[in-house]
Amino acid sequence: MLLAAVKKFAVEGIEQSVFDSLLTVTSARDSLLAAAYTAERLAFTPENIRGVLRRSVLLPLDHEAMQRSCSEAVGVAAAPTAVHEEATAAAMKVIEACTPVALLKQHAARGAAAAARVANRAKKDAEKELQQVENEADRVRKAATKKSSTCRACQERTHRSCGRWADCPCGGY
């Protein structure tokens, strides 16, 4: 509290001192020291000092309030609060997740997932290869059908009617 007042007075004093040095064409070299001296005189009054001591439970000395204030300042709670319990529960979850047994389980789960991905990929590759074999067999079947329905004399015309050969326009079959 006292230092906040010092800062406020010091900033105001420095600005005023710089303006004065600009107007009077003098050096601003000592303006910081003069502003600090003025700010200290204005901030450290007996009333301000007593107020700070009263707010910090030093005057009159209250042991319980002092211990409570110090405990809060260093982050030690006197009694478990909801926030303290939540923080403890969160820390326990992290600690439990990092035990060797839990880490081994996580590793095994990752390994199983990787093996499942590899197996799934192998299955898809096998299905794709089977589909390619079926497509090739279908192409061979179609080529054989086309060859059997082609004129044996001219090798150009294909019979397309009821499945039996009639005379080819080339006259050779």
C-alpha atoms as a PDB file:
ATOM      1  CA  MET A   1       0.000   0.000   0.000  1.00  0.00           C
ATOM      2  CA  LEU A   2       2.749   2.421   0.898  1.00  0.00           C
ATOM      3  CA  LEU A   3       4.694   1.539  -2.225  1.00  0.00           C
ATOM      4  CA  ALA A   4       1.631   2.133  -4.391  1.00  0.00           C
ATOM      5  CA  ALA A   5       1.379   5.633  -2.991  1.00  0.00           C
ATOM      6  CA  VAL A   6       5.106   6.176  -3.569  1.00  0.00           C
ATOM      7  CA  LYS A   7       4.719   5.059  -7.180  1.00  0.00           C
ATOM      8  CA  LYS A   8       1.767   7.398  -7.748  1.00  0.00           C
ATOM      9  CA  PHE A   9       3.558  10.406  -6.291  1.00  0.00           C
ATOM     10  CA  ALA A  10       6.825   9.533  -8.053  1.00  0.00           C
ATOM     11  CA  VAL A  11       5.235   9.408 -11.518  1.00  0.00           C
ATOM     12  CA  GLU A  12       3.489  12.713 -10.964  1.00  0.00           C
ATOM     13  CA  GLY A  13       6.685  14.264  -9.571  1.00  0.00           C
ATOM     14  CA  ILE A  14       8.874  13.044 -12.427  1.00  0.00           C
ATOM     15  CA  GLU A  15       6.476  14.413 -15.046  1.00  0.00           C
ATOM     16  CA  GLN A  16       6.294  17.763 -13.297  1.00  0.00           C
ATOM     17  CA  SER A  17      10.068  17.917 -12.881  1.00  0.00           C
ATOM     18  CA  VAL A  18      10.668  17.141 -16.577  1.00  0.00           C
ATOM     19  CA  PHE A  19       8.208  19.842 -17.644  1.00  0.00           C
ATOM     20  CA  ASP A  20       9.879  22.325 -15.301  1.00  0.00           C
ATOM     21  CA  SER A  21      13.311  21.520 -16.713  1.00  0.00           C
ATOM     22  CA  LEU A  22      12.035  21.960 -20.275  1.00  0.00           C
ATOM     23  CA  LEU A  23      10.458  25.333 -19.495  1.00  0.00           C
ATOM     24  CA  THR A  24      13.436  26.664 -17.575  1.00  0.00           C
ATOM     25  CA  VAL A  25      16.007  25.146 -19.980  1.00  0.00           C
ATOM     26  CA  THR A  26      17.819  23.326 -17.178  1.00  0.00           C
ATOM     27  CA  SER A  27      19.060  19.764 -16.860  1.00  0.00           C
ATOM     28  CA  ALA A  28      16.508  17.031 -16.066  1.00  0.00           C
ATOM     29  CA  ARG A  29      19.284  14.873 -14.621  1.00  0.00           C
ATOM     30  CA  ASP A  30      18.171  15.207 -10.985  1.00  0.00           C
ATOM     31  CA  SER A  31      14.414  15.030 -11.670  1.00  0.00           C
ATOM     32  CA  LEU A  32      14.172  11.328 -10.748  1.00  0.00           C
ATOM     33  CA  LEU A  33      15.930  11.798  -7.416  1.00  0.00           C
ATOM     34  CA  ALA A  34      13.857  14.886  -6.561  1.00  0.00           C
ATOM     35  CA  ALA A  35      10.603  13.100  -7.486  1.00  0.00           C
ATOM     36  CA  ALA A  36      11.517  10.061  -5.374  1.00  0.00           C
ATOM     37  CA  TYR A  37      12.327  12.265  -2.371  1.00  0.00           C
ATOM     38  CA  THR A  38       9.028  14.152  -2.702  1.00  0.00           C
ATOM     39  CA  ALA A  39       7.038  10.938  -3.175  1.00  0.00           C
ATOM     40  CA  GLU A  40       8.636   9.388  -0.085  1.00  0.00           C
ATOM     41  CA  ARG A  41       7.803  12.433   2.046  1.00  0.00           C
ATOM     42  CA  LEU A  42       4.178  12.406   0.820  1.00  0.00           C
ATOM     43  CA  ALA A  43       3.629   8.629   1.118  1.00  0.00           C
ATOM     44  CA  PHE A  44       5.365   7.793   4.403  1.00  0.00           C
ATOM     45  CA  THR A  45       3.177   9.820   6.722  1.00  0.00           C
ATOM     46  CA  PRO A  46       2.345   8.558  10.240  1.00  0.00           C
ATOM     47  CA  GLU A  47      -1.304   8.030   9.216  1.00  0.00           C
ATOM     48  CA  ASN A  48      -0.340   5.889   6.210  1.00  0.00           C
ATOM     49  CA  ILE A  49       2.122   3.821   8.230  1.00  0.00           C
ATOM     50  CA  ARG A  50      -0.442   3.139  10.989  1.00  0.00           C
ATOM     51  CA  GLY A  51      -3.083   2.209   8.362  1.00  0.00           C
ATOM     52  CA  VAL A  52      -0.775  -0.289   6.704  1.00  0.00           C
ATOM     53  CA  LEU A  53       0.154  -1.871  10.050  1.00  0.00           C
ATOM     54  CA  ARG A  54      -3.516  -2.109  11.022  1.00  0.00           C
ATOM     55  CA  ARG A  55      -4.483  -3.714   7.683  1.00  0.00           C
ATOM     56  CA  SER A  56      -1.631  -6.205   7.938  1.00  0.00           C
ATOM     57  CA  VAL A  57      -2.742  -7.216  11.491  1.00  0.00           C
ATOM     58  CA  LEU A  58       0.579  -6.152  12.996  1.00  0.00           C
ATOM     59  CA  LEU A  59      -0.823  -3.383  15.151  1.00  0.00           C
ATOM     60  CA  PRO A  60      -2.439  -4.529  17.440  1.00  0.00           C
ATOM     61  CA  LEU A  61      -0.913  -7.943  16.939  1.00  0.00           C
ATOM     62  CA  ASP A  62      -3.527 -10.647  16.231  1.00  0.00           C
ATOM     63  CA  HIS A  63      -1.841 -14.066  16.152  1.00  0.00           C
ATOM     64  CA  GLU A  64      -4.731 -15.934  14.517  1.00  0.00           C
ATOM     65  CA  ALA A  65      -5.225 -13.333  11.808  1.00  0.00           C
ATOM     66  CA  MET A  66      -1.461 -13.250  11.196  1.00  0.00           C
ATOM     67  CA  GLN A  67      -1.258 -17.050  10.829  1.00  0.00           C
ATOM     68  CA  ARG A  68      -4.293 -17.082   8.532  1.00  0.00           C
ATOM     69  CA  SER A  69      -2.821 -14.299   6.413  1.00  0.00           C
ATOM     70  CA  CYS A  70       0.569 -16.015   6.155  1.00  0.00           C
ATOM     71  CA  SER A  71      -1.027 -19.380   5.320  1.00  0.00           C
ATOM     72  CA  GLU A  72      -3.070 -17.798   2.534  1.00  0.00           C
ATOM     73  CA  ALA A  73       0.005 -15.990   1.212  1.00  0.00           C
ATOM     74  CA  VAL A  74       2.021 -19.195   0.862  1.00  0.00           C
ATOM     75  CA  GLY A  75      -0.940 -21.245  -0.396  1.00  0.00           C
ATOM     76  CA  VAL A  76      -1.477 -23.462   2.651  1.00  0.00           C
ATOM     77  CA  ALA A  77      -5.145 -23.820   3.551  1.00  0.00           C
ATOM     78  CA  ALA A  78      -6.001 -24.193   7.222  1.00  0.00           C
ATOM     79  CA  ALA A  79      -8.928 -26.536   6.570  1.00  0.00           C
ATOM     80  CA  PRO A  80      -9.745 -28.527   3.429  1.00  0.00           C
ATOM     81  CA  THR A  81     -11.970 -26.510   1.132  1.00  0.00           C
ATOM     82  CA  ALA A  82     -13.860 -27.535  -1.987  1.00  0.00           C
ATOM     83  CA  VAL A  83     -11.086 -26.169  -4.175  1.00  0.00           C
ATOM     84  CA  HIS A  84      -8.470 -28.008  -2.127  1.00  0.00           C
ATOM     85  CA  GLU A  85     -10.404 -31.275  -2.409  1.00  0.00           C
ATOM     86  CA  GLU A  86     -10.880 -30.843  -6.174  1.00  0.00           C
ATOM     87  CA  ALA A  87      -7.187 -30.140  -6.632  1.00  0.00           C
ATOM     88  CA  THR A  88      -6.292 -33.222  -4.590  1.00  0.00           C
ATOM     89  CA  ALA A  89      -8.671 -35.400  -6.626  1.00  0.00           C
ATOM     90  CA  ALA A  90      -7.223 -34.089  -9.898  1.00  0.00           C
ATOM     91  CA  ALA A  91      -3.689 -34.734  -8.680  1.00  0.00           C
ATOM     92  CA  MET A  92      -4.632 -38.279  -7.662  1.00  0.00           C
ATOM     93  CA  LYS A  93      -6.047 -38.978 -11.148  1.00  0.00           C
ATOM     94  CA  VAL A  94      -2.790 -37.833 -12.714  1.00  0.00           C
ATOM     95  CA  ILE A  95      -0.718 -39.888 -10.276  1.00  0.00           C
ATOM     96  CA  GLU A  96      -2.871 -42.994 -10.858  1.00  0.00           C
ATOM     97  CA  ALA A  97      -2.585 -42.546 -14.630  1.00  0.00           C
ATOM     98  CA  CYS A  98       1.214 -42.450 -14.372  1.00  0.00           C
ATOM     99  CA  THR A  99       1.755 -45.597 -12.317  1.00  0.00           C
ATOM    100  CA  PRO A 100       3.772 -48.364 -14.042  1.00  0.00           C
ATOM    101  CA  VAL A 101       0.762 -50.684 -14.164  1.00  0.00           C
ATOM    102  CA  ALA A 102      -1.403 -48.019 -15.793  1.00  0.00           C
ATOM    103  CA  LEU A 103       1.355 -47.158 -18.255  1.00  0.00           C
ATOM    104  CA  LEU A 104       1.743 -50.834 -19.184  1.00  0.00           C
ATOM    105  CA  LYS A 105      -2.024 -51.086 -19.735  1.00  0.00           C
ATOM    106  CA  GLN A 106      -1.939 -47.997 -21.953  1.00  0.00           C
ATOM    107  CA  HIS A 107       0.989 -49.454 -23.902  1.00  0.00           C
ATOM    108  CA  ALA A 108      -0.829 -52.781 -24.345  1.00  0.00           C
ATOM    109  CA  ALA A 109      -3.974 -50.978 -25.518  1.00  0.00           C
ATOM    110  CA  ARG A 110      -1.956 -48.970 -28.043  1.00  0.00           C
ATOM    111  CA  GLY A 111      -0.268 -52.181 -29.257  1.00  0.00           C
ATOM    112  CA  ALA A 112      -3.613 -53.940 -29.628  1.00  0.00           C
ATOM    113  CA  ALA A 113      -5.033 -50.983 -31.551  1.00  0.00           C
ATOM    114  CA  ALA A 114      -1.999 -50.965 -33.870  1.00  0.00           C
ATOM    115  CA  ALA A 115      -2.332 -54.729 -34.444  1.00  0.00           C
ATOM    116  CA  ALA A 116      -6.045 -54.310 -35.209  1.00  0.00           C
ATOM    117  CA  ARG A 117      -5.221 -51.571 -37.725  1.00  0.00           C
ATOM    118  CA  VAL A 118      -2.616 -53.793 -39.417  1.00  0.00           C
ATOM    119  CA  ALA A 119      -5.047 -56.737 -39.539  1.00  0.00           C
ATOM    120  CA  ASN A 120      -7.813 -54.536 -40.931  1.00  0.00           C
ATOM    121  CA  ARG A 121      -5.464 -53.185 -43.589  1.00  0.00           C
ATOM    122  CA  ALA A 122      -4.367 -56.719 -44.537  1.00  0.00           C
ATOM    123  CA  LYS A 123      -8.017 -57.773 -44.836  1.00  0.00           C
ATOM    124  CA  LYS A 124      -8.776 -54.803 -47.107  1.00  0.00           C
ATOM    125  CA  ASP A 125      -5.706 -55.564 -49.234  1.00  0.00           C
ATOM    126  CA  ALA A 126      -6.790 -59.209 -49.591  1.00  0.00           C
ATOM    127  CA  GLU A 127     -10.308 -58.145 -50.592  1.00  0.00           C
ATOM    128  CA  LYS A 128      -8.876 -55.727 -53.133  1.00  0.00           C
ATOM    129  CA  GLU A 129      -6.605 -58.427 -54.594  1.00  0.00           C
ATOM    130  CA  LEU A 130      -9.546 -60.866 -54.806  1.00  0.00           C
ATOM    131  CA  GLN A 131     -11.588 -58.219 -56.609  1.00  0.00           C
ATOM    132  CA  GLN A 132      -8.726 -57.707 -59.104  1.00  0.00           C
ATOM    133  CA  VAL A 133      -8.558 -61.473 -59.754  1.00  0.00           C
ATOM    134  CA  GLU A 134     -12.330 -61.586 -60.311  1.00  0.00           C
ATOM    135  CA  ASN A 135     -12.126 -58.606 -62.686  1.00  0.00           C
ATOM    136  CA  GLU A 136      -9.315 -60.299 -64.677  1.00  0.00           C
ATOM    137  CA  ALA A 137     -11.326 -63.554 -64.880  1.00  0.00           C
ATOM    138  CA  ASP A 138     -14.333 -61.572 -66.110  1.00  0.00           C
ATOM    139  CA  ARG A 139     -12.169 -59.905 -68.811  1.00  0.00           C
ATOM    140  CA  VAL A 140     -10.879 -63.315 -69.948  1.00  0.00           C
ATOM    141  CA  ARG A 141     -14.456 -64.663 -70.064  1.00  0.00           C
ATOM    142  CA  LYS A 142     -15.610 -61.693 -72.119  1.00  0.00           C
ATOM    143  CA  ALA A 143     -12.676 -62.059 -74.528  1.00  0.00           C
ATOM    144  CA  ALA A 144     -13.457 -65.791 -74.989  1.00  0.00           C
ATOM    145  CA  THR A 145     -17.133 -65.031 -75.619  1.00  0.00           C
ATOM    146  CA  LYS A 146     -16.225 -62.392 -78.176  1.00  0.00           C
ATOM    147  CA  LYS A 147     -13.824 -64.758 -79.929  1.00  0.00           C
ATOM    148  CA  SER A 148     -16.434 -67.518 -80.116  1.00  0.00           C
ATOM    149  CA  SER A 149     -18.960 -65.138 -81.680  1.00  0.00           C
ATOM    150  CA  THR A 150     -16.537 -63.749 -84.287  1.00  0.00           C
ATOM    151  CA  CYS A 151     -16.656 -64.910 -87.910  1.00  0.00           C
ATOM    152  CA  ARG A 152     -13.920 -67.464 -88.479  1.00  0.00           C
ATOM    153  CA  ALA A 153     -13.402 -66.400 -92.048  1.00  0.00           C
ATOM    154  CA  CYS A 154     -13.135 -62.611 -91.866  1.00  0.00           C
ATOM    155  CA  GLN A 155     -12.321 -62.319 -88.141  1.00  0.00           C
ATOM    156  CA  GLU A 156     -14.042 -58.943 -88.112  1.00  0.00           C
ATOM    157  CA  ARG A 157     -17.762 -59.392 -87.827  1.00  0.00           C
ATOM    158  CA  THR A 158     -19.500 -60.580 -84.743  1.00  0.00           C
ATOM    159  CA  HIS A 159     -22.788 -62.436 -84.687  1.00  0.00           C
ATOM    160  CA  ARG A 160     -25.218 -60.647 -82.427  1.00  0.00           C
ATOM    161  CA  SER A 161     -28.540 -62.293 -82.857  1.00  0.00           C
ATOM    162  CA  CYS A 162     -30.085 -65.311 -81.145  1.00  0.00           C
ATOM    163  CA  GLY A 163     -26.850 -67.104 -80.399  1.00  0.00           C
ATOM    164  CA  ARG A 164     -26.646 -69.242 -83.522  1.00  0.00           C
ATOM    165  CA  TRP A 165     -24.641 -68.461 -86.588  1.00  0.00           C
ATOM    166  CA  ALA A 166     -26.301 -67.389 -89.767  1.00  0.00           C
ATOM    167  CA  ASP A 167     -24.479 -66.428 -92.916  1.00  0.00           C
ATOM    168  CA  CYS A 168     -21.805 -63.783 -92.442  1.00  0.00           C
ATOM    169  CA  PRO A 169     -22.025 -60.910 -94.934  1.00  0.00           C
ATOM    170  CA  CYS A 170     -18.455 -61.715 -95.960  1.00  0.00           C
ATOM    171  CA  GLY A 171     -19.769 -65.012 -97.382  1.00  0.00           C
ATOM    172  CA  GLY A 172     -17.060 -67.091 -95.859  1.00  0.00           C
ATOM    173  CA  TYR A 173     -19.024 -68.694 -93.040  1.00  0.00           C
END
